Amino acid sequence: MDPLHIVALALVQGLTEFLPISSSAHLILVPALTDWPDQGLAFDIAVHVGTLVAVLGYFRADVLRLVRGGIAPLAGRPAGADGRMAWLIVLATIPVGLAGLEFKDVVETTLRDPVVIAWASIGFGVLLWISDRFGPRLRDETTLRWPGALTVGLFQALALIPGTSRSGITMTAGLFLGLDRTAAARFSFLLAMPVIALSGMLEGLDLFEAAAPVQWSALLSGAVLAAVSAWLCIHYFLRFITRIGMTPFVVYRVLLGVGLLVLFAH
């Protein structure tokens, strides 16, 4: 791969995975708008691994507490708040896992269309603005119970539509449920870990079956750049989201959608 392509695509993945603007859409659009060759499945897996490393590293203390709490009942100890949160994350991951297995072929073919991305970007962007504008924003993620976690999980399944944004739709659900902006973002980022891991494993199986040649230097470079940019993105998003709100991202999504409709709608 060309070094410019590696840098651009890795930064796109790292910066858009956790912002509410859809990383899958941007990875589809970059080659479509630039006439670059498709980066291939192996590179997509590498940059997703990079973002997984970033979120695991950023929330490493939380992850350790969640794992300990989640397995505590197996040792005869009470789960506690951390254990309940761990199992809520598992529950919220089930809908997108089932939907991904059922609709994988449609997502990877029919829905990889700039017009689909455009309407998803606009429609779910407006929904994000409504949730941010009218959601009560009164509580944090520790107050969630299983109905709320399942609701977020059902919303997350919609992120299989390119342009929706996994982080955007889960934050939307969290805001509608009354979470404040930081809590909605934190729960969304914690949910990212099992989802990215599961999607990476599925793509890895496809790569193994394809037995395509692998450019290891390009994959390593892409993974590292994606990890660094994703870590910075998480850090500054959580730092500033209470102050700036979701409006800047909504405006970007609407402008992107309109631009794509102008270019690709017939």
Protein backbone atom coordinates (compact mmCIF):
# COMPACT_ATOMS: atom_id res chain seq x y z
CA MET A 1 0.00 0.00 0.00
CA ASP A 2 1.05 3.57 -0.63
CA PRO A 3 2.25 5.27 2.62
CA LEU A 4 -0.21 8.14 2.06
CA HIS A 5 -3.08 5.65 1.87
CA ILE A 6 -1.94 3.94 5.06
CA VAL A 7 -1.74 7.19 7.01
CA ALA A 8 -5.03 8.59 5.70
CA LEU A 9 -7.06 5.42 6.25
CA ALA A 10 -5.59 4.72 9.68
CA LEU A 11 -6.34 8.26 10.83
CA VAL A 12 -9.85 8.05 9.39
CA GLN A 13 -10.52 4.84 11.35
CA GLY A 14 -8.90 6.08 14.54
CA LEU A 15 -10.70 9.42 14.59
CA THR A 16 -14.12 8.30 13.38
CA GLU A 17 -14.56 5.04 15.34
CA PHE A 18 -15.42 6.89 18.53
CA LEU A 19 -16.82 10.14 17.17
CA PRO A 20 -20.55 9.98 16.31
CA ILE A 21 -19.94 10.26 12.56
CA SER A 22 -19.52 6.60 11.37
CA SER A 23 -16.12 5.04 10.76
CA SER A 24 -17.49 2.39 8.38
CA ALA A 25 -18.98 5.08 6.17
CA HIS A 26 -15.72 7.00 5.99
CA LEU A 27 -13.68 3.88 5.19
CA ILE A 28 -16.08 3.18 2.32
CA LEU A 29 -16.10 6.78 1.11
CA VAL A 30 -12.34 7.42 1.06
CA PRO A 31 -11.60 5.04 -1.85
CA ALA A 32 -14.92 5.95 -3.51
CA LEU A 33 -14.12 9.67 -3.52
CA THR A 34 -10.40 9.43 -4.28
CA ASP A 35 -10.30 6.55 -6.78
CA TRP A 36 -7.80 4.81 -4.50
CA PRO A 37 -7.84 1.01 -4.70
CA ASP A 38 -9.82 -0.73 -1.96
CA GLN A 39 -7.56 -1.16 1.06
CA GLY A 40 -8.59 -4.77 1.53
CA LEU A 41 -9.97 -6.80 4.39
CA ALA A 42 -6.62 -7.33 6.11
CA PHE A 43 -6.02 -3.59 6.50
CA ASP A 44 -9.57 -3.04 7.78
CA ILE A 45 -8.93 -5.68 10.46
CA ALA A 46 -5.58 -4.12 11.39
CA VAL A 47 -6.98 -0.62 11.97
CA HIS A 48 -9.93 -2.06 13.91
CA VAL A 49 -7.45 -3.91 16.14
CA GLY A 50 -5.68 -0.60 16.63
CA THR A 51 -8.86 1.10 17.85
CA LEU A 52 -9.61 -1.89 20.10
CA VAL A 53 -6.16 -1.57 21.69
CA ALA A 54 -6.81 2.15 22.19
CA VAL A 55 -10.13 1.74 24.00
CA LEU A 56 -8.82 -1.16 26.09
CA GLY A 57 -5.80 0.91 27.06
CA TYR A 58 -7.80 4.02 27.86
CA PHE A 59 -10.33 2.18 30.03
CA ARG A 60 -7.88 -0.42 31.37
CA ALA A 61 -8.79 0.21 35.03
CA ASP A 62 -12.51 -0.02 34.22
CA VAL A 63 -11.97 -3.18 32.20
CA LEU A 64 -10.16 -4.89 35.07
CA ARG A 65 -12.96 -3.99 37.49
CA LEU A 66 -15.61 -5.17 35.03
CA VAL A 67 -13.87 -8.49 34.44
CA ARG A 68 -13.40 -9.11 38.17
CA GLY A 69 -17.01 -8.19 38.89
CA GLY A 70 -18.33 -10.22 35.98
CA ILE A 71 -16.63 -13.44 37.06
CA ALA A 72 -17.20 -12.91 40.79
CA PRO A 73 -20.44 -14.98 40.87
CA LEU A 74 -18.53 -17.93 39.40
CA ALA A 75 -16.37 -17.87 42.54
CA GLY A 76 -19.37 -17.53 44.83
CA ARG A 77 -18.90 -13.81 45.45
CA PRO A 78 -21.51 -11.08 44.85
CA ALA A 79 -21.20 -9.36 41.48
CA GLY A 80 -21.50 -5.83 42.85
CA ALA A 81 -21.91 -2.73 40.69
CA ASP A 82 -19.00 -3.63 38.40
CA GLY A 83 -20.34 -7.13 37.82
CA ARG A 84 -23.79 -5.79 36.97
CA MET A 85 -22.25 -3.34 34.51
CA ALA A 86 -20.20 -6.12 32.90
CA TRP A 87 -23.31 -8.24 32.31
CA LEU A 88 -25.25 -5.22 31.03
CA ILE A 89 -22.51 -4.75 28.41
CA VAL A 90 -22.84 -8.42 27.44
CA LEU A 91 -26.62 -8.04 27.17
CA ALA A 92 -26.32 -4.89 25.04
CA THR A 93 -23.91 -6.67 22.67
CA ILE A 94 -26.25 -9.58 21.86
CA PRO A 95 -28.60 -7.73 19.44
CA VAL A 96 -25.83 -6.42 17.17
CA GLY A 97 -24.13 -9.84 17.22
CA LEU A 98 -27.28 -11.61 16.10
CA ALA A 99 -28.11 -8.93 13.52
CA GLY A 100 -24.58 -9.03 12.16
CA LEU A 101 -24.73 -12.77 11.60
CA GLU A 102 -28.18 -12.56 9.99
CA PHE A 103 -27.60 -9.58 7.71
CA LYS A 104 -23.84 -9.82 7.04
CA ASP A 105 -24.20 -10.31 3.27
CA VAL A 106 -26.65 -7.39 2.87
CA VAL A 107 -24.47 -5.08 4.95
CA GLU A 108 -21.36 -5.92 2.92
CA THR A 109 -23.07 -5.53 -0.49
CA THR A 110 -26.35 -3.66 -0.86
CA LEU A 111 -25.83 -1.19 1.99
CA ARG A 112 -22.30 -0.17 0.92
CA ASP A 113 -23.83 2.58 -1.21
CA PRO A 114 -23.03 6.31 -0.88
CA VAL A 115 -26.74 7.16 -1.11
CA VAL A 116 -27.55 4.81 1.78
CA ILE A 117 -24.68 6.36 3.74
CA ALA A 118 -26.01 9.85 2.95
CA TRP A 119 -29.53 9.23 4.24
CA ALA A 120 -28.27 7.33 7.29
CA SER A 121 -25.86 10.13 8.09
CA ILE A 122 -28.60 12.75 7.87
CA GLY A 123 -31.43 10.80 9.51
CA PHE A 124 -29.51 9.39 12.45
CA GLY A 125 -27.65 12.68 12.81
CA VAL A 126 -30.93 14.52 13.31
CA LEU A 127 -32.01 11.84 15.81
CA LEU A 128 -28.75 12.41 17.72
CA TRP A 129 -29.50 16.16 17.86
CA ILE A 130 -33.03 15.53 19.15
CA SER A 131 -31.75 13.22 21.91
CA ASP A 132 -29.07 15.72 22.89
CA ARG A 133 -31.46 18.68 22.81
CA PHE A 134 -34.43 17.12 24.60
CA GLY A 135 -32.94 14.27 26.65
CA PRO A 136 -33.03 15.01 30.40
CA ARG A 137 -29.30 14.24 30.93
CA LEU A 138 -29.76 13.59 34.67
CA ARG A 139 -27.87 10.37 35.46
CA ASP A 140 -24.73 8.36 34.83
CA GLU A 141 -24.17 4.92 33.32
CA THR A 142 -24.13 3.13 36.69
CA THR A 143 -27.89 3.78 36.99
CA LEU A 144 -28.68 1.68 33.91
CA ARG A 145 -30.65 -1.51 34.42
CA TRP A 146 -31.29 -4.36 31.98
CA PRO A 147 -34.20 -2.73 30.06
CA GLY A 148 -32.07 0.36 29.39
CA ALA A 149 -29.01 -1.67 28.42
CA LEU A 150 -31.12 -3.81 26.07
CA THR A 151 -32.57 -0.65 24.51
CA VAL A 152 -29.07 0.67 23.83
CA GLY A 153 -28.17 -2.73 22.38
CA LEU A 154 -31.16 -2.70 20.02
CA PHE A 155 -30.20 0.78 18.86
CA GLN A 156 -26.62 -0.44 18.37
CA ALA A 157 -27.83 -3.08 15.90
CA LEU A 158 -28.85 -0.22 13.59
CA ALA A 159 -25.16 0.68 13.30
CA LEU A 160 -24.78 -2.16 10.79
CA ILE A 161 -26.19 0.35 8.29
CA PRO A 162 -23.15 2.30 7.04
CA GLY A 163 -23.49 5.97 7.91
CA THR A 164 -25.39 5.33 11.14
CA SER A 165 -22.35 5.38 13.47
CA ARG A 166 -22.13 2.82 16.26
CA SER A 167 -20.98 5.41 18.78
CA GLY A 168 -23.54 7.92 17.54
CA ILE A 169 -26.55 5.61 17.77
CA THR A 170 -25.59 4.23 21.20
CA MET A 171 -25.06 7.75 22.52
CA THR A 172 -28.44 8.68 21.06
CA ALA A 173 -30.08 5.83 22.96
CA GLY A 174 -28.25 6.73 26.16
CA LEU A 175 -29.32 10.37 25.93
CA PHE A 176 -32.95 9.38 25.32
CA LEU A 177 -32.71 7.20 28.44
CA GLY A 178 -31.63 10.20 30.51
CA LEU A 179 -27.87 9.67 30.67
CA ASP A 180 -25.74 12.79 30.64
CA ARG A 181 -23.38 13.32 27.72
CA THR A 182 -20.28 11.93 29.41
CA ALA A 183 -22.15 8.87 30.72
CA ALA A 184 -23.67 8.16 27.30
CA ALA A 185 -20.21 8.41 25.72
CA ARG A 186 -18.54 6.23 28.37
CA PHE A 187 -21.14 3.47 28.02
CA SER A 188 -20.84 3.69 24.25
CA PHE A 189 -17.05 3.33 24.42
CA LEU A 190 -17.27 0.38 26.83
CA LEU A 191 -19.73 -1.27 24.43
CA ALA A 192 -17.23 -0.77 21.62
CA MET A 193 -14.81 -3.34 23.04
CA PRO A 194 -16.83 -6.54 22.54
CA VAL A 195 -18.34 -5.26 19.27
CA ILE A 196 -14.97 -4.40 17.70
CA ALA A 197 -13.52 -7.70 18.94
CA LEU A 198 -16.41 -9.74 17.52
CA SER A 199 -16.39 -7.96 14.16
CA GLY A 200 -12.62 -8.36 13.98
CA MET A 201 -12.92 -12.11 14.58
CA LEU A 202 -15.58 -12.47 11.87
CA GLU A 203 -13.47 -10.51 9.38
CA GLY A 204 -10.44 -12.54 10.43
CA LEU A 205 -12.26 -15.75 9.49
CA ASP A 206 -13.04 -14.28 6.08
CA LEU A 207 -9.39 -13.31 5.66
CA PHE A 208 -8.21 -16.78 6.65
CA GLU A 209 -10.55 -18.39 4.14
CA ALA A 210 -9.43 -15.99 1.39
CA ALA A 211 -5.75 -16.83 2.03
CA ALA A 212 -4.74 -13.52 0.46
CA PRO A 213 -1.13 -12.23 0.65
CA VAL A 214 -0.54 -9.98 3.65
CA GLN A 215 1.59 -6.81 3.74
CA TRP A 216 2.62 -6.96 7.38
CA SER A 217 4.45 -3.62 7.49
CA ALA A 218 1.38 -1.80 6.16
CA LEU A 219 -0.88 -3.56 8.66
CA LEU A 220 1.39 -2.78 11.63
CA SER A 221 1.76 0.86 10.61
CA GLY A 222 -1.98 1.23 10.15
CA ALA A 223 -2.76 -0.43 13.50
CA VAL A 224 -0.34 1.81 15.41
CA LEU A 225 -1.58 5.02 13.79
CA ALA A 226 -5.21 4.02 14.36
CA ALA A 227 -4.48 3.20 18.01
CA VAL A 228 -2.75 6.51 18.75
CA SER A 229 -5.37 8.63 16.98
CA ALA A 230 -8.23 6.69 18.59
CA TRP A 231 -6.75 7.12 22.09
CA LEU A 232 -6.43 10.87 21.55
CA CYS A 233 -9.95 11.01 20.15
CA ILE A 234 -11.44 9.26 23.20
CA HIS A 235 -9.49 11.47 25.60
CA TYR A 236 -10.47 14.79 24.07
CA PHE A 237 -14.03 13.77 23.26
CA LEU A 238 -14.72 12.89 26.90
CA ARG A 239 -12.97 16.06 28.01
CA PHE A 240 -14.98 18.44 25.84
CA ILE A 241 -18.30 16.74 25.10
CA THR A 242 -20.14 18.32 28.05
CA ARG A 243 -19.11 21.74 26.82
CA ILE A 244 -19.62 21.42 23.07
CA GLY A 245 -22.52 18.96 22.90
CA MET A 246 -23.44 16.96 19.80
CA THR A 247 -24.39 19.83 17.49
CA PRO A 248 -21.01 20.15 15.69
CA PHE A 249 -21.11 16.46 14.79
CA VAL A 250 -24.74 16.69 13.66
CA VAL A 251 -23.91 19.63 11.40
CA TYR A 252 -21.00 17.68 9.90
CA ARG A 253 -23.22 14.62 9.33
CA VAL A 254 -25.93 16.62 7.59
CA LEU A 255 -23.42 18.44 5.36
CA LEU A 256 -21.73 15.13 4.52
CA GLY A 257 -25.07 13.54 3.67
CA VAL A 258 -26.17 16.43 1.48
CA GLY A 259 -22.82 16.42 -0.31
CA LEU A 260 -23.08 12.70 -1.01
CA LEU A 261 -26.61 13.08 -2.36
CA VAL A 262 -25.42 15.82 -4.71
CA LEU A 263 -22.57 13.63 -5.95
CA PHE A 264 -24.21 10.21 -6.13
CA ALA A 265 -28.02 10.49 -6.18
CA HIS A 266 -29.56 10.20 -9.65
